[in-house]
Amino acid sequence: METIEWWPKLDPDAQAWLIAHNGEAVTPEVLNKIAAAGGLVTSGEPWIGESGPEGFYLSDEALDWIETTANDESD
């Protein structure tokens, strides 16, 4: 995954939450912010993971991307 296209449009608080809670179910508030930033949560985008009783999850690929971005790593 090159980039998560909505990431730069996401407010810093939501970015910080995703970094701090990487791998956890995304809160409805953060999910709404992702959608407002252009993240289509009903599409087949590679950042979409599973949705279940605990909530919506990002894909493993997206979690790795966020961790790399948080650590300011590059390929």
Protein backbone atom coordinates (compact mmCIF):
# COMPACT_ATOMS: atom_id res chain seq x y z
CA MET A 1 0.00 0.00 0.00
CA GLU A 2 1.51 3.27 -1.11
CA THR A 3 -0.63 5.53 1.06
CA ILE A 4 -3.99 5.76 2.67
CA GLU A 5 -5.48 8.55 0.57
CA TRP A 6 -7.65 9.97 3.34
CA TRP A 7 -4.85 10.08 5.94
CA PRO A 8 -3.56 13.60 5.10
CA LYS A 9 -7.13 14.95 5.31
CA LEU A 10 -7.77 13.38 8.70
CA ASP A 11 -7.55 15.70 11.69
CA PRO A 12 -4.53 15.27 14.00
CA ASP A 13 -6.64 13.93 16.89
CA ALA A 14 -8.03 11.11 14.74
CA GLN A 15 -4.56 10.33 13.38
CA ALA A 16 -3.20 10.21 16.94
CA TRP A 17 -6.03 7.90 18.02
CA LEU A 18 -5.36 5.51 15.13
CA ILE A 19 -1.65 5.45 16.00
CA ALA A 20 -2.23 4.93 19.72
CA HIS A 21 -4.94 2.29 19.21
CA ASN A 22 -3.47 0.51 16.19
CA GLY A 23 -5.21 -2.85 15.80
CA GLU A 24 -8.23 -2.00 17.94
CA ALA A 25 -11.77 -1.54 16.70
CA VAL A 26 -12.16 1.96 15.29
CA THR A 27 -14.53 4.12 17.32
CA PRO A 28 -17.64 5.43 15.57
CA GLU A 29 -16.31 8.98 16.00
CA VAL A 30 -13.02 8.19 14.27
CA LEU A 31 -14.79 6.16 11.60
CA ASN A 32 -17.02 9.18 10.87
CA LYS A 33 -13.91 11.35 10.56
CA ILE A 34 -12.36 8.85 8.13
CA ALA A 35 -15.53 8.92 6.04
CA ALA A 36 -15.59 12.74 6.12
CA ALA A 37 -11.96 12.74 4.91
CA GLY A 38 -12.92 10.64 1.90
CA GLY A 39 -12.52 7.09 3.21
CA LEU A 40 -15.30 5.03 1.65
CA VAL A 41 -16.07 2.43 4.32
CA THR A 42 -18.38 0.40 2.06
CA SER A 43 -15.92 -0.09 -0.77
CA GLY A 44 -13.32 -2.74 -1.49
CA GLU A 45 -10.46 -0.44 -0.54
CA PRO A 46 -7.36 -2.25 0.76
CA TRP A 47 -7.47 -0.39 4.08
CA ILE A 48 -10.84 -1.89 5.02
CA GLY A 49 -10.68 -4.81 7.40
CA GLU A 50 -13.46 -6.72 9.11
CA SER A 51 -16.56 -5.45 10.80
CA GLY A 52 -18.01 -7.36 13.70
CA PRO A 53 -19.75 -7.07 17.06
CA GLU A 54 -16.86 -5.08 18.53
CA GLY A 55 -16.86 -2.65 15.59
CA PHE A 56 -14.97 -1.84 12.45
CA TYR A 57 -11.34 -2.83 11.97
CA LEU A 58 -8.70 -1.65 9.55
CA SER A 59 -6.92 -4.23 7.41
CA ASP A 60 -3.54 -5.65 8.45
CA GLU A 61 -2.02 -3.78 5.52
CA ALA A 62 -3.48 -0.49 6.76
CA LEU A 63 -2.32 -1.17 10.32
CA ASP A 64 1.21 -1.80 9.06
CA TRP A 65 1.06 1.38 6.97
CA ILE A 66 -0.07 3.46 9.98
CA GLU A 67 2.68 1.97 12.16
CA THR A 68 5.28 2.73 9.49
CA THR A 69 3.96 6.27 9.10
CA ALA A 70 3.90 6.78 12.87
CA ASN A 71 7.51 5.65 13.09
CA ASP A 72 8.40 7.78 10.05
CA GLU A 73 9.83 4.74 8.33
CA SER A 74 10.13 4.24 4.60
CA ASP A 75 10.45 1.22 2.32
